[in-house]
Amino acid sequence: MCKEIVELRHQVSEGKPQYFLYDMRDLNDFTPEAKNYFAIYGQDHIQIAAVLVHSRFQEFSVNLWIKIKKPIVPMRIFTTKKDA
């Protein structure tokens, strides 16, 4: 599924840098393979990203991922869509 999401985002962006919102509020399981795929291919054509989470645990997990993977795209975590 992550490959389809990345491919769709590439089509929508038309190869131009975009602002992007990762809505992870309903995400319950994110496999290591999916995390690695997003780390390699998921940052193409993204200028800056907002990550929307629903819990402190999810916020902690995303922060940990950011510190370990060091994405090339600046990312910030939010708990409300309005703030994001």
N, C-alpha and C. Protein backbone atom coordinates (compact mmCIF):
# COMPACT_ATOMS: atom_id res chain seq x y z
N MET A 1 0.82 -1.20 0.00
CA MET A 1 0.00 0.00 0.00
C MET A 1 0.86 1.26 0.00
N CYS A 2 2.00 1.25 0.68
CA CYS A 2 2.82 2.46 0.75
C CYS A 2 3.35 2.84 -0.63
N LYS A 3 3.65 1.84 -1.48
CA LYS A 3 4.12 2.14 -2.83
C LYS A 3 3.05 2.89 -3.62
N GLU A 4 1.79 2.45 -3.47
CA GLU A 4 0.69 3.10 -4.17
C GLU A 4 0.50 4.54 -3.69
N ILE A 5 0.66 4.76 -2.40
CA ILE A 5 0.52 6.10 -1.84
C ILE A 5 1.60 7.02 -2.40
N VAL A 6 2.83 6.54 -2.41
CA VAL A 6 3.94 7.34 -2.93
C VAL A 6 3.74 7.63 -4.42
N GLU A 7 3.36 6.62 -5.20
CA GLU A 7 3.14 6.81 -6.63
C GLU A 7 2.02 7.81 -6.90
N LEU A 8 0.94 7.73 -6.13
CA LEU A 8 -0.16 8.67 -6.30
C LEU A 8 0.28 10.10 -5.97
N ARG A 9 1.06 10.25 -4.90
CA ARG A 9 1.55 11.58 -4.54
C ARG A 9 2.47 12.12 -5.62
N HIS A 10 3.28 11.27 -6.23
CA HIS A 10 4.16 11.69 -7.32
C HIS A 10 3.33 12.19 -8.51
N GLN A 11 2.24 11.50 -8.81
CA GLN A 11 1.37 11.92 -9.91
C GLN A 11 0.73 13.26 -9.61
N VAL A 12 0.22 13.42 -8.40
CA VAL A 12 -0.47 14.65 -8.01
C VAL A 12 0.50 15.84 -8.02
N SER A 13 1.73 15.62 -7.60
CA SER A 13 2.69 16.72 -7.51
C SER A 13 3.21 17.15 -8.87
N GLU A 14 3.05 16.29 -9.88
CA GLU A 14 3.55 16.58 -11.23
C GLU A 14 5.04 16.94 -11.22
N GLY A 15 5.78 16.34 -10.30
CA GLY A 15 7.22 16.56 -10.23
C GLY A 15 7.65 17.88 -9.62
N LYS A 16 6.70 18.63 -9.05
CA LYS A 16 7.02 19.92 -8.44
C LYS A 16 6.99 19.79 -6.92
N PRO A 17 7.86 20.53 -6.22
CA PRO A 17 7.86 20.48 -4.75
C PRO A 17 6.51 20.92 -4.17
N GLN A 18 6.03 20.19 -3.20
CA GLN A 18 4.73 20.45 -2.58
C GLN A 18 4.85 20.45 -1.06
N TYR A 19 3.90 21.11 -0.41
CA TYR A 19 3.73 20.95 1.02
C TYR A 19 2.89 19.70 1.19
N PHE A 20 3.15 18.93 2.26
CA PHE A 20 2.46 17.66 2.40
C PHE A 20 2.05 17.42 3.83
N LEU A 21 0.86 16.83 4.00
CA LEU A 21 0.34 16.47 5.32
C LEU A 21 0.23 14.96 5.41
N TYR A 22 1.00 14.36 6.31
CA TYR A 22 0.87 12.94 6.61
C TYR A 22 -0.14 12.80 7.75
N ASP A 23 -1.31 12.29 7.45
CA ASP A 23 -2.33 12.09 8.49
C ASP A 23 -2.19 10.66 9.00
N MET A 24 -1.57 10.53 10.17
CA MET A 24 -1.30 9.20 10.72
C MET A 24 -2.25 8.84 11.87
N ARG A 25 -3.31 9.61 12.03
CA ARG A 25 -4.21 9.40 13.17
C ARG A 25 -4.87 8.04 13.17
N ASP A 26 -5.21 7.50 12.00
CA ASP A 26 -5.87 6.20 11.93
C ASP A 26 -4.92 5.06 11.61
N LEU A 27 -3.64 5.35 11.62
CA LEU A 27 -2.64 4.33 11.30
C LEU A 27 -2.31 3.55 12.56
N ASN A 28 -2.55 2.24 12.50
CA ASN A 28 -2.30 1.39 13.67
C ASN A 28 -1.01 0.59 13.54
N ASP A 29 -0.61 0.29 12.32
CA ASP A 29 0.57 -0.54 12.12
C ASP A 29 1.35 -0.02 10.93
N PHE A 30 2.63 0.18 11.12
CA PHE A 30 3.51 0.69 10.08
C PHE A 30 4.73 -0.23 10.08
N THR A 31 4.81 -1.13 9.13
CA THR A 31 5.87 -2.14 9.13
C THR A 31 7.24 -1.51 8.91
N PRO A 32 8.30 -2.18 9.33
CA PRO A 32 9.64 -1.67 9.08
C PRO A 32 9.91 -1.49 7.58
N GLU A 33 9.37 -2.39 6.76
CA GLU A 33 9.55 -2.26 5.31
C GLU A 33 8.90 -0.99 4.79
N ALA A 34 7.70 -0.68 5.27
CA ALA A 34 7.01 0.54 4.85
C ALA A 34 7.78 1.77 5.31
N LYS A 35 8.27 1.76 6.53
CA LYS A 35 9.06 2.88 7.04
C LYS A 35 10.29 3.12 6.18
N ASN A 36 10.98 2.04 5.82
CA ASN A 36 12.17 2.16 4.98
C ASN A 36 11.82 2.67 3.58
N TYR A 37 10.72 2.19 3.03
CA TYR A 37 10.30 2.63 1.70
C TYR A 37 10.01 4.13 1.71
N PHE A 38 9.27 4.58 2.72
CA PHE A 38 8.98 6.01 2.83
C PHE A 38 10.25 6.83 3.05
N ALA A 39 11.18 6.29 3.80
CA ALA A 39 12.43 7.00 4.06
C ALA A 39 13.23 7.19 2.77
N ILE A 40 13.15 6.22 1.86
CA ILE A 40 13.91 6.30 0.61
C ILE A 40 13.15 7.05 -0.48
N TYR A 41 11.89 6.68 -0.72
CA TYR A 41 11.13 7.22 -1.84
C TYR A 41 10.04 8.22 -1.45
N GLY A 42 9.68 8.24 -0.20
CA GLY A 42 8.53 9.04 0.23
C GLY A 42 8.78 10.53 0.36
N GLN A 43 10.02 10.97 0.16
CA GLN A 43 10.33 12.38 0.32
C GLN A 43 10.46 13.12 -1.01
N ASP A 44 10.37 12.38 -2.11
CA ASP A 44 10.47 13.01 -3.42
C ASP A 44 9.36 14.04 -3.61
N HIS A 45 9.71 15.19 -4.10
CA HIS A 45 8.77 16.27 -4.45
C HIS A 45 8.05 16.86 -3.24
N ILE A 46 8.61 16.68 -2.05
CA ILE A 46 8.03 17.31 -0.85
C ILE A 46 8.98 18.39 -0.38
N GLN A 47 8.45 19.59 -0.20
CA GLN A 47 9.26 20.72 0.26
C GLN A 47 9.30 20.76 1.78
N ILE A 48 8.15 20.53 2.40
CA ILE A 48 8.04 20.50 3.86
C ILE A 48 6.83 19.63 4.21
N ALA A 49 6.88 18.96 5.36
CA ALA A 49 5.81 18.03 5.72
C ALA A 49 5.31 18.28 7.14
N ALA A 50 4.00 18.18 7.29
CA ALA A 50 3.36 18.18 8.60
C ALA A 50 2.89 16.76 8.86
N VAL A 51 3.10 16.29 10.07
CA VAL A 51 2.70 14.93 10.45
C VAL A 51 1.63 15.06 11.52
N LEU A 52 0.44 14.55 11.22
CA LEU A 52 -0.69 14.64 12.13
C LEU A 52 -0.83 13.33 12.89
N VAL A 53 -0.77 13.41 14.23
CA VAL A 53 -0.84 12.23 15.09
C VAL A 53 -2.01 12.39 16.08
N HIS A 54 -2.38 11.27 16.71
CA HIS A 54 -3.52 11.31 17.63
C HIS A 54 -3.15 11.02 19.09
N SER A 55 -1.91 10.64 19.34
CA SER A 55 -1.55 10.28 20.71
C SER A 55 -0.11 10.64 20.99
N ARG A 56 0.22 10.69 22.26
CA ARG A 56 1.60 10.95 22.68
C ARG A 56 2.53 9.82 22.23
N PHE A 57 2.01 8.60 22.26
CA PHE A 57 2.82 7.47 21.82
C PHE A 57 3.17 7.60 20.34
N GLN A 58 2.18 7.97 19.53
CA GLN A 58 2.43 8.17 18.11
C GLN A 58 3.41 9.32 17.89
N GLU A 59 3.25 10.37 18.65
CA GLU A 59 4.17 11.51 18.56
C GLU A 59 5.60 11.07 18.91
N PHE A 60 5.74 10.28 19.97
CA PHE A 60 7.04 9.75 20.36
C PHE A 60 7.64 8.89 19.25
N SER A 61 6.82 8.02 18.66
CA SER A 61 7.29 7.12 17.60
C SER A 61 7.77 7.90 16.38
N VAL A 62 7.02 8.92 15.98
CA VAL A 62 7.41 9.73 14.82
C VAL A 62 8.68 10.51 15.13
N ASN A 63 8.76 11.08 16.32
CA ASN A 63 9.98 11.81 16.71
C ASN A 63 11.20 10.90 16.69
N LEU A 64 11.04 9.68 17.18
CA LEU A 64 12.13 8.71 17.17
C LEU A 64 12.54 8.39 15.74
N TRP A 65 11.56 8.16 14.87
CA TRP A 65 11.84 7.87 13.47
C TRP A 65 12.60 9.03 12.82
N ILE A 66 12.18 10.26 13.10
CA ILE A 66 12.84 11.45 12.53
C ILE A 66 14.29 11.52 13.00
N LYS A 67 14.53 11.25 14.29
CA LYS A 67 15.89 11.31 14.82
C LYS A 67 16.79 10.22 14.24
N ILE A 68 16.23 9.03 14.01
CA ILE A 68 17.02 7.92 13.50
C ILE A 68 17.26 8.06 11.99
N LYS A 69 16.21 8.33 11.24
CA LYS A 69 16.30 8.36 9.78
C LYS A 69 16.80 9.69 9.22
N LYS A 70 16.67 10.76 10.00
CA LYS A 70 17.12 12.08 9.57
C LYS A 70 16.63 12.43 8.16
N PRO A 71 15.31 12.58 7.99
CA PRO A 71 14.77 12.86 6.66
C PRO A 71 15.30 14.17 6.09
N ILE A 72 15.41 14.23 4.78
CA ILE A 72 15.91 15.43 4.12
C ILE A 72 14.85 16.52 4.06
N VAL A 73 13.60 16.15 4.24
CA VAL A 73 12.48 17.08 4.24
C VAL A 73 12.20 17.53 5.67
N PRO A 74 12.13 18.85 5.91
CA PRO A 74 11.77 19.30 7.26
C PRO A 74 10.37 18.79 7.63
N MET A 75 10.23 18.25 8.83
CA MET A 75 8.95 17.71 9.31
C MET A 75 8.63 18.27 10.67
N ARG A 76 7.34 18.50 10.88
CA ARG A 76 6.87 18.95 12.18
C ARG A 76 5.62 18.17 12.55
N ILE A 77 5.49 17.83 13.82
CA ILE A 77 4.38 17.01 14.30
C ILE A 77 3.29 17.88 14.91
N PHE A 78 2.03 17.53 14.59
CA PHE A 78 0.87 18.25 15.10
C PHE A 78 -0.17 17.26 15.62
N THR A 79 -1.01 17.73 16.53
CA THR A 79 -2.10 16.88 17.03
C THR A 79 -3.46 17.32 16.51
N THR A 80 -3.54 18.48 15.85
CA THR A 80 -4.80 18.92 15.24
C THR A 80 -4.55 19.33 13.79
N LYS A 81 -5.55 19.06 12.95
CA LYS A 81 -5.43 19.39 11.53
C LYS A 81 -5.35 20.92 11.36
N LYS A 82 -6.06 21.64 12.20
CA LYS A 82 -6.05 23.11 12.12
C LYS A 82 -4.63 23.64 12.32
N ASP A 83 -3.93 23.13 13.31
CA ASP A 83 -2.55 23.58 13.57
C ASP A 83 -1.59 23.15 12.47
N ALA A 84 -1.83 21.98 11.91
CA ALA A 84 -0.95 21.46 10.85
C ALA A 84 -1.07 22.33 9.62
